[in-house]
Amino acid sequence: MSYPELDRTQLKILPLAKRAHKMTVADIYPLDAKTPPYENENLRIVANRMIRAHGAGKQVIWLMGAHVLRRGNSRYIIDLMERGVLTHVATNGAGAIHDFELALIGATLEDVERYIRDGKFGNWEETGRYINEAIIRGYDDGLGYGEAIGRLIQEEESGIRFAFQEISVFAAAYRLGVPITVHKGIGYDIIDQHPSADYAAMGHTTGKDFLRFAHSVSQLENGVFLNLGSAVMGPEVYLKSLSMARNIAAQRGEPIRHFTTANFDLIDFPDFREEGKPTEAHYYHRPKKTILVRTVTDGGESYHIPGDFDRTVPKLYRLITSDNA
C-alpha cells in the first residue's frame, strides 16, 4: 500500500538574511568573562575528578543539549578540548545547527512563536542546504555526522566562508582530532525539512556516531561522564552504549564500574541518589534514574549540578583551569 507524503519541493525556503535572531556571537563568553556567581561543593568534586582523569589519560566525555551552547559556553568547551581535558564531545542535531549558524553568520536562535504562524519556521536555505550537503559528503566518505559538520566548518568546504569559525566547537573538535558525535532522530531538526535532506545519509552517519560514542564509553573505567542539559537523548544514548560496552567487557573479565557521572540540569532533586517511587514525578526523569542512580550502583559515584548553564559551565571551567583547583 502506498501512503501519501508531503512534497518538500513545494516549500518556500528563505535565506538566513531574512531571519531575525535571538543570539549572536556577542553572547558567547570570552574565557575571562565575568559570569554570574555559582557555588556548589559537588561541582568542585566533579572538576577534580575531571582533572584526575585527564592526568591519568582516562576518558572525560562531555554530552550536552543545545541549550548549553545557547548560554554562551562555546569558548570554554573549545579550550577544554585544546587542553586535552575533554576526550569526546557529543550533542544532538540542534547543537550542530546552532554551532554551524554561529560560525557562518555570527547569529542563531530563531523566534519559533513568530515564524511558526505562517510556516517560515525552520525553512532557511543556508542551514538546510549546507548541513545536508555536508552530511551527504560525509556519508560518501565514510565519516560520522559530527565529523562531517566539523570538516565543513573547519575546511570551509565548497568555498563556504565561515566568518566566525574560531567559535565553532565542531570545527575545533575536527581540527584537534577529538571525536564529536551527533545523536539525532529524523524530524527533530529544521534541516530535516529542507528538500536536500537525505534521510538515509542522516541515519547512517548518526548511526556511525553512536558506535563511536559507545567505543568511548567502553573506555570509561576511572573516567568521567558528564550529561549537560539533555533530558532524553543523553541518558538513553549513554545507557545503551554502557550496556554494549559492559557486555563485551564482561566477556573479557574487564570491569567498567569505577567512574564518575555528573548531571547538569536546570532542575534540582531532593535526593539525587535515590530513584524514588513510581508515584513521584522525578522517578520518570531519565537523567536522575539513569545517570545518577542505576548505572553507578556497582562502584561508580554520581553528582547532580543544578542551575543555569550560564553559571555552572563557566564555574566548572574555572575550577578546572585554576592553579588552585
C-alpha atoms as a PDB file:
ATOM      1  CA  MET A   1       0.000   0.000   0.000  1.00  0.00           C
ATOM      2  CA  SER A   2       1.265   3.483  -0.834  1.00  0.00           C
ATOM      3  CA  TYR A   3       0.581   6.310   1.587  1.00  0.00           C
ATOM      4  CA  PRO A   4       0.732   9.986   0.622  1.00  0.00           C
ATOM      5  CA  GLU A   5       3.794  12.029   1.630  1.00  0.00           C
ATOM      6  CA  LEU A   6       4.353  15.751   1.938  1.00  0.00           C
ATOM      7  CA  ASP A   7       6.184  17.131  -1.075  1.00  0.00           C
ATOM      8  CA  ARG A   8       9.140  19.117   0.274  1.00  0.00           C
ATOM      9  CA  THR A   9       9.804  20.665  -3.132  1.00  0.00           C
ATOM     10  CA  GLN A  10       6.733  22.838  -2.593  1.00  0.00           C
ATOM     11  CA  LEU A  11       8.273  24.544   0.440  1.00  0.00           C
ATOM     12  CA  LYS A  12       9.206  28.195   0.208  1.00  0.00           C
ATOM     13  CA  ILE A  13      12.743  28.329   1.556  1.00  0.00           C
ATOM     14  CA  LEU A  14      14.126  31.710   2.635  1.00  0.00           C
ATOM     15  CA  PRO A  15      17.704  32.967   3.092  1.00  0.00           C
ATOM     16  CA  LEU A  16      19.076  33.364   6.604  1.00  0.00           C
ATOM     17  CA  ALA A  17      19.493  37.080   5.900  1.00  0.00           C
ATOM     18  CA  LYS A  18      15.707  37.406   6.207  1.00  0.00           C
ATOM     19  CA  ARG A  19      15.582  35.804   9.658  1.00  0.00           C
ATOM     20  CA  ALA A  20      15.671  37.617  12.986  1.00  0.00           C
ATOM     21  CA  HIS A  21      17.949  36.043  15.603  1.00  0.00           C
ATOM     22  CA  LYS A  22      17.803  35.928  19.386  1.00  0.00           C
ATOM     23  CA  MET A  23      21.502  35.115  19.897  1.00  0.00           C
ATOM     24  CA  THR A  24      24.735  36.428  18.385  1.00  0.00           C
ATOM     25  CA  VAL A  25      28.460  35.843  18.910  1.00  0.00           C
ATOM     26  CA  ALA A  26      28.366  38.765  21.347  1.00  0.00           C
ATOM     27  CA  ASP A  27      26.506  36.418  23.712  1.00  0.00           C
ATOM     28  CA  ILE A  28      29.359  33.904  23.756  1.00  0.00           C
ATOM     29  CA  TYR A  29      31.541  34.355  26.820  1.00  0.00           C
ATOM     30  CA  PRO A  30      35.203  35.273  26.438  1.00  0.00           C
ATOM     31  CA  LEU A  31      37.343  32.952  28.557  1.00  0.00           C
ATOM     32  CA  ASP A  32      37.962  35.711  31.095  1.00  0.00           C
ATOM     33  CA  ALA A  33      34.364  36.970  31.210  1.00  0.00           C
ATOM     34  CA  LYS A  34      32.708  37.910  34.476  1.00  0.00           C
ATOM     35  CA  THR A  35      29.851  35.437  34.808  1.00  0.00           C
ATOM     36  CA  PRO A  36      27.019  35.057  37.347  1.00  0.00           C
ATOM     37  CA  PRO A  37      28.295  33.652  40.663  1.00  0.00           C
ATOM     38  CA  TYR A  38      27.813  29.992  41.454  1.00  0.00           C
ATOM     39  CA  GLU A  39      28.956  27.833  44.346  1.00  0.00           C
ATOM     40  CA  ASN A  40      28.430  24.119  44.746  1.00  0.00           C
ATOM     41  CA  GLU A  41      30.809  21.799  46.552  1.00  0.00           C
ATOM     42  CA  ASN A  42      29.768  18.922  44.310  1.00  0.00           C
ATOM     43  CA  LEU A  43      30.934  20.918  41.301  1.00  0.00           C
ATOM     44  CA  ARG A  44      34.389  21.166  42.854  1.00  0.00           C
ATOM     45  CA  ILE A  45      34.441  17.398  43.261  1.00  0.00           C
ATOM     46  CA  VAL A  46      33.441  16.911  39.618  1.00  0.00           C
ATOM     47  CA  ALA A  47      36.144  19.349  38.477  1.00  0.00           C
ATOM     48  CA  ASN A  48      38.764  17.498  40.496  1.00  0.00           C
ATOM     49  CA  ARG A  49      37.623  14.155  39.085  1.00  0.00           C
ATOM     50  CA  MET A  50      37.996  15.582  35.577  1.00  0.00           C
ATOM     51  CA  ILE A  51      41.484  16.865  36.380  1.00  0.00           C
ATOM     52  CA  ARG A  52      42.431  13.493  37.822  1.00  0.00           C
ATOM     53  CA  ALA A  53      41.052  11.579  34.838  1.00  0.00           C
ATOM     54  CA  HIS A  54      42.862  13.881  32.440  1.00  0.00           C
ATOM     55  CA  GLY A  55      46.130  13.408  34.290  1.00  0.00           C
ATOM     56  CA  ALA A  56      45.731   9.643  34.122  1.00  0.00           C
ATOM     57  CA  GLY A  57      44.847   9.635  30.413  1.00  0.00           C
ATOM     58  CA  LYS A  58      41.268   8.495  31.037  1.00  0.00           C
ATOM     59  CA  GLN A  59      38.046   9.384  29.277  1.00  0.00           C
ATOM     60  CA  VAL A  60      36.248  12.648  30.028  1.00  0.00           C
ATOM     61  CA  ILE A  61      33.069  12.527  27.945  1.00  0.00           C
ATOM     62  CA  TRP A  62      31.048  15.736  27.536  1.00  0.00           C
ATOM     63  CA  LEU A  63      27.479  15.161  26.285  1.00  0.00           C
ATOM     64  CA  MET A  64      25.241  18.211  26.005  1.00  0.00           C
ATOM     65  CA  GLY A  65      21.945  19.525  24.780  1.00  0.00           C
ATOM     66  CA  ALA A  66      21.891  22.596  22.549  1.00  0.00           C
ATOM     67  CA  HIS A  67      20.927  24.888  25.440  1.00  0.00           C
ATOM     68  CA  VAL A  68      24.488  24.632  26.756  1.00  0.00           C
ATOM     69  CA  LEU A  69      25.742  26.349  23.597  1.00  0.00           C
ATOM     70  CA  ARG A  70      22.898  28.858  23.602  1.00  0.00           C
ATOM     71  CA  ARG A  71      24.036  30.039  27.031  1.00  0.00           C
ATOM     72  CA  GLY A  72      27.364  31.176  25.631  1.00  0.00           C
ATOM     73  CA  ASN A  73      29.767  28.371  26.544  1.00  0.00           C
ATOM     74  CA  SER A  74      31.436  27.548  23.216  1.00  0.00           C
ATOM     75  CA  ARG A  75      34.840  29.011  24.081  1.00  0.00           C
ATOM     76  CA  TYR A  76      35.028  27.096  27.368  1.00  0.00           C
ATOM     77  CA  ILE A  77      34.343  23.811  25.602  1.00  0.00           C
ATOM     78  CA  ILE A  78      36.885  24.569  22.878  1.00  0.00           C
ATOM     79  CA  ASP A  79      39.551  25.478  25.428  1.00  0.00           C
ATOM     80  CA  LEU A  80      38.963  22.287  27.407  1.00  0.00           C
ATOM     81  CA  MET A  81      39.429  20.324  24.189  1.00  0.00           C
ATOM     82  CA  GLU A  82      42.601  22.236  23.387  1.00  0.00           C
ATOM     83  CA  ARG A  83      43.957  21.457  26.868  1.00  0.00           C
ATOM     84  CA  GLY A  84      43.237  17.772  26.247  1.00  0.00           C
ATOM     85  CA  VAL A  85      40.745  17.545  29.119  1.00  0.00           C
ATOM     86  CA  LEU A  86      37.724  16.547  27.020  1.00  0.00           C
ATOM     87  CA  THR A  87      38.231  13.314  25.123  1.00  0.00           C
ATOM     88  CA  HIS A  88      34.804  13.112  23.481  1.00  0.00           C
ATOM     89  CA  VAL A  89      32.082  15.700  22.814  1.00  0.00           C
ATOM     90  CA  ALA A  90      28.535  14.656  21.949  1.00  0.00           C
ATOM     91  CA  THR A  91      25.354  16.586  21.272  1.00  0.00           C
ATOM     92  CA  ASN A  92      22.057  16.493  19.390  1.00  0.00           C
ATOM     93  CA  GLY A  93      21.135  17.805  15.950  1.00  0.00           C
ATOM     94  CA  ALA A  94      20.164  21.206  17.336  1.00  0.00           C
ATOM     95  CA  GLY A  95      23.632  21.584  18.836  1.00  0.00           C
ATOM     96  CA  ALA A  96      25.155  21.100  15.384  1.00  0.00           C
ATOM     97  CA  ILE A  97      22.748  23.617  13.865  1.00  0.00           C
ATOM     98  CA  HIS A  98      23.448  26.371  16.408  1.00  0.00           C
ATOM     99  CA  ASP A  99      27.192  25.807  16.149  1.00  0.00           C
ATOM    100  CA  PHE A 100      27.004  25.966  12.342  1.00  0.00           C
ATOM    101  CA  GLU A 101      24.909  29.142  12.244  1.00  0.00           C
ATOM    102  CA  LEU A 102      27.083  30.946  14.767  1.00  0.00           C
ATOM    103  CA  ALA A 103      30.190  30.056  12.763  1.00  0.00           C
ATOM    104  CA  LEU A 104      28.589  31.042   9.455  1.00  0.00           C
ATOM    105  CA  ILE A 105      26.812  34.328  10.211  1.00  0.00           C
ATOM    106  CA  GLY A 106      27.536  35.002  13.894  1.00  0.00           C
ATOM    107  CA  ALA A 107      23.890  34.575  14.904  1.00  0.00           C
ATOM    108  CA  THR A 108      21.361  31.837  15.636  1.00  0.00           C
ATOM    109  CA  LEU A 109      18.162  31.009  17.532  1.00  0.00           C
ATOM    110  CA  GLU A 110      15.053  31.962  15.619  1.00  0.00           C
ATOM    111  CA  ASP A 111      11.804  33.080  17.221  1.00  0.00           C
ATOM    112  CA  VAL A 112       9.675  29.952  16.943  1.00  0.00           C
ATOM    113  CA  GLU A 113       6.425  31.614  18.019  1.00  0.00           C
ATOM    114  CA  ARG A 114       6.865  34.291  15.362  1.00  0.00           C
ATOM    115  CA  TYR A 115       7.835  32.082  12.431  1.00  0.00           C
ATOM    116  CA  ILE A 116       5.592  29.065  13.036  1.00  0.00           C
ATOM    117  CA  ARG A 117       2.491  31.184  12.373  1.00  0.00           C
ATOM    118  CA  ASP A 118       2.884  31.058   8.603  1.00  0.00           C
ATOM    119  CA  GLY A 119       5.278  28.149   8.294  1.00  0.00           C
ATOM    120  CA  LYS A 120       8.522  30.071   7.943  1.00  0.00           C
ATOM    121  CA  PHE A 121       9.979  28.323  10.991  1.00  0.00           C
ATOM    122  CA  GLY A 122      12.962  26.184  10.109  1.00  0.00           C
ATOM    123  CA  ASN A 123      12.737  26.777   6.361  1.00  0.00           C
ATOM    124  CA  TRP A 124      16.076  28.529   5.870  1.00  0.00           C
ATOM    125  CA  GLU A 125      18.273  27.909   2.863  1.00  0.00           C
ATOM    126  CA  GLU A 126      21.864  28.034   4.102  1.00  0.00           C
ATOM    127  CA  THR A 127      21.306  25.979   7.244  1.00  0.00           C
ATOM    128  CA  GLY A 128      19.311  23.299   5.481  1.00  0.00           C
ATOM    129  CA  ARG A 129      21.352  23.060   2.288  1.00  0.00           C
ATOM    130  CA  TYR A 130      24.904  23.380   3.623  1.00  0.00           C
ATOM    131  CA  ILE A 131      24.487  20.997   6.544  1.00  0.00           C
ATOM    132  CA  ASN A 132      22.630  18.408   4.474  1.00  0.00           C
ATOM    133  CA  GLU A 133      25.211  18.543   1.705  1.00  0.00           C
ATOM    134  CA  ALA A 134      27.972  18.083   4.314  1.00  0.00           C
ATOM    135  CA  ILE A 135      26.170  15.040   5.733  1.00  0.00           C
ATOM    136  CA  ILE A 136      25.839  13.501   2.269  1.00  0.00           C
ATOM    137  CA  ARG A 137      29.536  14.108   1.542  1.00  0.00           C
ATOM    138  CA  GLY A 138      30.361  12.634   4.935  1.00  0.00           C
ATOM    139  CA  TYR A 139      28.270   9.576   4.155  1.00  0.00           C
ATOM    140  CA  ASP A 140      30.057   9.123   0.837  1.00  0.00           C
ATOM    141  CA  ASP A 141      33.447   9.482   2.571  1.00  0.00           C
ATOM    142  CA  GLY A 142      32.663   7.165   5.486  1.00  0.00           C
ATOM    143  CA  LEU A 143      32.539   9.923   8.108  1.00  0.00           C
ATOM    144  CA  GLY A 144      30.277  10.278  11.104  1.00  0.00           C
ATOM    145  CA  TYR A 145      27.679  13.050  11.341  1.00  0.00           C
ATOM    146  CA  GLY A 146      29.656  15.222  13.756  1.00  0.00           C
ATOM    147  CA  GLU A 147      32.907  14.761  11.871  1.00  0.00           C
ATOM    148  CA  ALA A 148      31.185  15.793   8.633  1.00  0.00           C
ATOM    149  CA  ILE A 149      29.918  19.035  10.196  1.00  0.00           C
ATOM    150  CA  GLY A 150      33.310  19.731  11.751  1.00  0.00           C
ATOM    151  CA  ARG A 151      35.026  19.233   8.397  1.00  0.00           C
ATOM    152  CA  LEU A 152      32.510  21.509   6.676  1.00  0.00           C
ATOM    153  CA  ILE A 153      33.261  24.390   9.032  1.00  0.00           C
ATOM    154  CA  GLN A 154      36.991  23.863   9.565  1.00  0.00           C
ATOM    155  CA  GLU A 155      37.866  23.317   5.897  1.00  0.00           C
ATOM    156  CA  GLU A 156      35.180  25.685   4.562  1.00  0.00           C
ATOM    157  CA  GLU A 157      34.025  23.081   2.077  1.00  0.00           C
ATOM    158  CA  SER A 158      32.501  24.141  -1.235  1.00  0.00           C
ATOM    159  CA  GLY A 159      34.004  27.595  -0.784  1.00  0.00           C
ATOM    160  CA  ILE A 160      31.622  28.487   2.059  1.00  0.00           C
ATOM    161  CA  ARG A 161      33.119  31.284   4.177  1.00  0.00           C
ATOM    162  CA  PHE A 162      32.684  30.885   7.929  1.00  0.00           C
ATOM    163  CA  ALA A 163      33.322  34.353   9.320  1.00  0.00           C
ATOM    164  CA  PHE A 164      33.276  33.119  12.927  1.00  0.00           C
ATOM    165  CA  GLN A 165      34.971  29.763  12.531  1.00  0.00           C
ATOM    166  CA  GLU A 166      37.010  30.253  15.716  1.00  0.00           C
ATOM    167  CA  ILE A 167      33.962  29.867  17.964  1.00  0.00           C
ATOM    168  CA  SER A 168      32.824  26.582  16.402  1.00  0.00           C
ATOM    169  CA  VAL A 169      33.010  23.602  18.761  1.00  0.00           C
ATOM    170  CA  PHE A 170      32.643  21.270  15.777  1.00  0.00           C
ATOM    171  CA  ALA A 171      35.484  22.861  13.825  1.00  0.00           C
ATOM    172  CA  ALA A 172      37.734  22.752  16.889  1.00  0.00           C
ATOM    173  CA  ALA A 173      36.984  19.075  17.500  1.00  0.00           C
ATOM    174  CA  TYR A 174      37.743  18.238  13.865  1.00  0.00           C
ATOM    175  CA  ARG A 175      40.976  20.259  13.968  1.00  0.00           C
ATOM    176  CA  LEU A 176      42.098  18.671  17.236  1.00  0.00           C
ATOM    177  CA  GLY A 177      41.070  15.124  16.384  1.00  0.00           C
ATOM    178  CA  VAL A 178      38.592  14.929  19.271  1.00  0.00           C
ATOM    179  CA  PRO A 179      35.608  12.682  18.475  1.00  0.00           C
ATOM    180  CA  ILE A 180      32.463  14.789  18.196  1.00  0.00           C
ATOM    181  CA  THR A 181      29.238  12.878  17.696  1.00  0.00           C
ATOM    182  CA  VAL A 182      25.672  13.888  16.885  1.00  0.00           C
ATOM    183  CA  HIS A 183      22.778  11.758  18.100  1.00  0.00           C
ATOM    184  CA  LYS A 184      19.583  12.680  16.294  1.00  0.00           C
ATOM    185  CA  GLY A 185      16.227  11.422  15.198  1.00  0.00           C
ATOM    186  CA  ILE A 186      14.558  12.167  11.860  1.00  0.00           C
ATOM    187  CA  GLY A 187      12.106  15.031  12.226  1.00  0.00           C
ATOM    188  CA  TYR A 188      13.815  16.507  15.286  1.00  0.00           C
ATOM    189  CA  ASP A 189      15.683  19.280  13.488  1.00  0.00           C
ATOM    190  CA  ILE A 190      14.987  22.047  10.996  1.00  0.00           C
ATOM    191  CA  ILE A 191      17.429  20.636   8.428  1.00  0.00           C
ATOM    192  CA  ASP A 192      15.074  17.647   8.110  1.00  0.00           C
ATOM    193  CA  GLN A 193      12.522  19.956   6.468  1.00  0.00           C
ATOM    194  CA  HIS A 194      14.818  21.072   3.654  1.00  0.00           C
ATOM    195  CA  PRO A 195      14.355  19.468   0.206  1.00  0.00           C
ATOM    196  CA  SER A 196      18.053  18.498   0.167  1.00  0.00           C
ATOM    197  CA  ALA A 197      17.739  16.311   3.294  1.00  0.00           C
ATOM    198  CA  ASP A 198      18.844  12.726   2.649  1.00  0.00           C
ATOM    199  CA  TYR A 199      17.416  10.652   5.484  1.00  0.00           C
ATOM    200  CA  ALA A 200      19.475   7.593   4.623  1.00  0.00           C
ATOM    201  CA  ALA A 201      22.692   9.616   4.881  1.00  0.00           C
ATOM    202  CA  MET A 202      21.500  11.124   8.163  1.00  0.00           C
ATOM    203  CA  GLY A 203      20.693   7.723   9.610  1.00  0.00           C
ATOM    204  CA  HIS A 204      23.962   6.163   8.528  1.00  0.00           C
ATOM    205  CA  THR A 205      26.186   8.975   9.800  1.00  0.00           C
ATOM    206  CA  THR A 206      24.423   9.357  13.144  1.00  0.00           C
ATOM    207  CA  GLY A 207      24.500   5.563  13.500  1.00  0.00           C
ATOM    208  CA  LYS A 208      28.257   5.637  12.991  1.00  0.00           C
ATOM    209  CA  ASP A 209      28.422   8.348  15.670  1.00  0.00           C
ATOM    210  CA  PHE A 210      26.508   6.125  18.080  1.00  0.00           C
ATOM    211  CA  LEU A 211      29.107   3.380  17.692  1.00  0.00           C
ATOM    212  CA  ARG A 212      31.921   5.896  18.129  1.00  0.00           C
ATOM    213  CA  PHE A 213      30.292   7.157  21.298  1.00  0.00           C
ATOM    214  CA  ALA A 214      29.864   3.600  22.549  1.00  0.00           C
ATOM    215  CA  HIS A 215      33.569   2.988  21.949  1.00  0.00           C
ATOM    216  CA  SER A 216      34.462   5.960  24.142  1.00  0.00           C
ATOM    217  CA  VAL A 217      32.085   4.692  26.837  1.00  0.00           C
ATOM    218  CA  SER A 218      33.812   1.305  26.647  1.00  0.00           C
ATOM    219  CA  GLN A 219      36.920   3.094  27.970  1.00  0.00           C
ATOM    220  CA  LEU A 220      35.103   4.885  30.802  1.00  0.00           C
ATOM    221  CA  GLU A 221      36.717   2.921  33.671  1.00  0.00           C
ATOM    222  CA  ASN A 222      38.256   5.519  36.059  1.00  0.00           C
ATOM    223  CA  GLY A 223      36.945   8.286  33.813  1.00  0.00           C
ATOM    224  CA  VAL A 224      34.161  10.875  33.923  1.00  0.00           C
ATOM    225  CA  PHE A 225      30.880  11.155  32.026  1.00  0.00           C
ATOM    226  CA  LEU A 226      29.002  14.463  32.049  1.00  0.00           C
ATOM    227  CA  ASN A 227      25.451  14.955  30.818  1.00  0.00           C
ATOM    228  CA  LEU A 228      24.644  18.643  30.449  1.00  0.00           C
ATOM    229  CA  GLY A 229      21.097  19.675  29.702  1.00  0.00           C
ATOM    230  CA  SER A 230      19.882  16.585  27.868  1.00  0.00           C
ATOM    231  CA  ALA A 231      16.750  15.084  29.374  1.00  0.00           C
ATOM    232  CA  VAL A 232      16.199  12.202  26.934  1.00  0.00           C
ATOM    233  CA  MET A 233      18.895  11.826  24.264  1.00  0.00           C
ATOM    234  CA  GLY A 234      21.844  11.940  26.666  1.00  0.00           C
ATOM    235  CA  PRO A 235      20.649   9.379  29.210  1.00  0.00           C
ATOM    236  CA  GLU A 236      19.348   6.996  26.550  1.00  0.00           C
ATOM    237  CA  VAL A 237      22.422   7.049  24.300  1.00  0.00           C
ATOM    238  CA  TYR A 238      24.668   6.669  27.349  1.00  0.00           C
ATOM    239  CA  LEU A 239      22.597   3.792  28.756  1.00  0.00           C
ATOM    240  CA  LYS A 240      22.632   1.742  25.553  1.00  0.00           C
ATOM    241  CA  SER A 241      26.310   2.467  24.982  1.00  0.00           C
ATOM    242  CA  LEU A 242      27.210   1.384  28.504  1.00  0.00           C
ATOM    243  CA  SER A 243      25.235  -1.839  28.180  1.00  0.00           C
ATOM    244  CA  MET A 244      27.005  -2.768  24.937  1.00  0.00           C
ATOM    245  CA  ALA A 245      30.379  -1.825  26.391  1.00  0.00           C
ATOM    246  CA  ARG A 246      29.823  -3.852  29.561  1.00  0.00           C
ATOM    247  CA  ASN A 247      28.572  -6.830  27.559  1.00  0.00           C
ATOM    248  CA  ILE A 248      31.847  -7.051  25.655  1.00  0.00           C
ATOM    249  CA  ALA A 249      33.997  -6.159  28.678  1.00  0.00           C
ATOM    250  CA  ALA A 250      32.324  -8.868  30.802  1.00  0.00           C
ATOM    251  CA  GLN A 251      33.348 -11.493  28.270  1.00  0.00           C
ATOM    252  CA  ARG A 252      36.936 -10.398  28.813  1.00  0.00           C
ATOM    253  CA  GLY A 253      36.659 -10.196  32.582  1.00  0.00           C
ATOM    254  CA  GLU A 254      37.233  -6.446  32.494  1.00  0.00           C
ATOM    255  CA  PRO A 255      35.222  -4.011  34.660  1.00  0.00           C
ATOM    256  CA  ILE A 256      33.535  -0.781  33.621  1.00  0.00           C
ATOM    257  CA  ARG A 257      32.267   0.201  37.056  1.00  0.00           C
ATOM    258  CA  HIS A 258      34.616   2.700  38.654  1.00  0.00           C
ATOM    259  CA  PHE A 259      33.803   6.048  37.104  1.00  0.00           C
ATOM    260  CA  THR A 260      32.147   9.360  37.940  1.00  0.00           C
ATOM    261  CA  THR A 261      28.945  10.664  36.402  1.00  0.00           C
ATOM    262  CA  ALA A 262      27.621  14.202  36.656  1.00  0.00           C
ATOM    263  CA  ASN A 263      24.265  15.545  35.548  1.00  0.00           C
ATOM    264  CA  PHE A 264      23.927  19.295  34.946  1.00  0.00           C
ATOM    265  CA  ASP A 265      20.310  20.383  34.862  1.00  0.00           C
ATOM    266  CA  LEU A 266      18.059  23.393  35.374  1.00  0.00           C
ATOM    267  CA  ILE A 267      16.069  21.482  37.987  1.00  0.00           C
ATOM    268  CA  ASP A 268      17.109  20.107  41.361  1.00  0.00           C
ATOM    269  CA  PHE A 269      16.143  16.934  43.204  1.00  0.00           C
ATOM    270  CA  PRO A 270      15.526  16.412  46.943  1.00  0.00           C
ATOM    271  CA  ASP A 271      17.858  13.401  46.892  1.00  0.00           C
ATOM    272  CA  PHE A 272      19.548  12.795  43.566  1.00  0.00           C
ATOM    273  CA  ARG A 273      20.992   9.407  44.522  1.00  0.00           C
ATOM    274  CA  GLU A 274      17.589   7.869  45.310  1.00  0.00           C
ATOM    275  CA  GLU A 275      15.463   6.681  42.411  1.00  0.00           C
ATOM    276  CA  GLY A 276      12.222   7.318  44.277  1.00  0.00           C
ATOM    277  CA  LYS A 277       8.823   5.719  43.757  1.00  0.00           C
ATOM    278  CA  PRO A 278       6.749   5.399  40.577  1.00  0.00           C
ATOM    279  CA  THR A 279       4.193   7.723  42.189  1.00  0.00           C
ATOM    280  CA  GLU A 280       6.764  10.552  42.255  1.00  0.00           C
ATOM    281  CA  ALA A 281       7.381  12.741  39.189  1.00  0.00           C
ATOM    282  CA  HIS A 282      11.172  12.600  39.493  1.00  0.00           C
ATOM    283  CA  TYR A 283      11.090   8.818  39.166  1.00  0.00           C
ATOM    284  CA  TYR A 284      10.420   9.334  35.459  1.00  0.00           C
ATOM    285  CA  HIS A 285      13.244  11.813  34.934  1.00  0.00           C
ATOM    286  CA  ARG A 286      15.764   9.860  32.864  1.00  0.00           C
ATOM    287  CA  PRO A 287      18.919  11.774  33.841  1.00  0.00           C
ATOM    288  CA  LYS A 288      18.245  11.118  37.507  1.00  0.00           C
ATOM    289  CA  LYS A 289      17.487   7.416  37.442  1.00  0.00           C
ATOM    290  CA  THR A 290      19.874   6.509  34.604  1.00  0.00           C
ATOM    291  CA  ILE A 291      22.916   8.714  35.147  1.00  0.00           C
ATOM    292  CA  LEU A 292      22.742   9.387  38.871  1.00  0.00           C
ATOM    293  CA  VAL A 293      21.368   6.086  40.187  1.00  0.00           C
ATOM    294  CA  ARG A 294      21.141   2.930  38.077  1.00  0.00           C
ATOM    295  CA  THR A 295      24.464   2.927  36.233  1.00  0.00           C
ATOM    296  CA  VAL A 296      26.697   3.752  39.230  1.00  0.00           C
ATOM    297  CA  THR A 297      25.340   1.359  41.859  1.00  0.00           C
ATOM    298  CA  ASP A 298      28.192  -1.132  41.492  1.00  0.00           C
ATOM    299  CA  GLY A 299      31.263   1.017  42.005  1.00  0.00           C
ATOM    300  CA  GLY A 300      30.644   4.415  40.452  1.00  0.00           C
ATOM    301  CA  GLU A 301      29.801   7.752  42.011  1.00  0.00           C
ATOM    302  CA  SER A 302      27.382  10.412  40.807  1.00  0.00           C
ATOM    303  CA  TYR A 303      26.821  14.136  41.311  1.00  0.00           C
ATOM    304  CA  HIS A 304      23.952  16.433  40.384  1.00  0.00           C
ATOM    305  CA  ILE A 305      24.740  20.056  39.494  1.00  0.00           C
ATOM    306  CA  PRO A 306      21.579  22.203  39.397  1.00  0.00           C
ATOM    307  CA  GLY A 307      21.488  25.658  37.859  1.00  0.00           C
ATOM    308  CA  ASP A 308      21.566  27.536  34.577  1.00  0.00           C
ATOM    309  CA  PHE A 309      24.405  26.715  32.219  1.00  0.00           C
ATOM    310  CA  ASP A 310      25.464  30.360  32.026  1.00  0.00           C
ATOM    311  CA  ARG A 311      26.937  29.895  35.517  1.00  0.00           C
ATOM    312  CA  THR A 312      27.546  26.183  36.093  1.00  0.00           C
ATOM    313  CA  VAL A 313      29.701  25.672  32.985  1.00  0.00           C
ATOM    314  CA  PRO A 314      31.852  28.819  33.431  1.00  0.00           C
ATOM    315  CA  LYS A 315      32.420  27.894  37.074  1.00  0.00           C
ATOM    316  CA  LEU A 316      33.381  24.348  36.138  1.00  0.00           C
ATOM    317  CA  TYR A 317      35.809  25.705  33.552  1.00  0.00           C
ATOM    318  CA  ARG A 318      37.466  27.979  36.086  1.00  0.00           C
ATOM    319  CA  LEU A 319      37.759  25.211  38.668  1.00  0.00           C
ATOM    320  CA  ILE A 320      39.488  23.012  36.104  1.00  0.00           C
ATOM    321  CA  THR A 321      41.828  25.675  34.754  1.00  0.00           C
ATOM    322  CA  SER A 322      42.612  27.462  38.029  1.00  0.00           C
ATOM    323  CA  ASP A 323      46.018  26.855  39.575  1.00  0.00           C
ATOM    324  CA  ASN A 324      44.223  26.405  42.908  1.00  0.00           C
ATOM    325  CA  ALA A 325      41.816  23.700  41.693  1.00  0.00           C
END
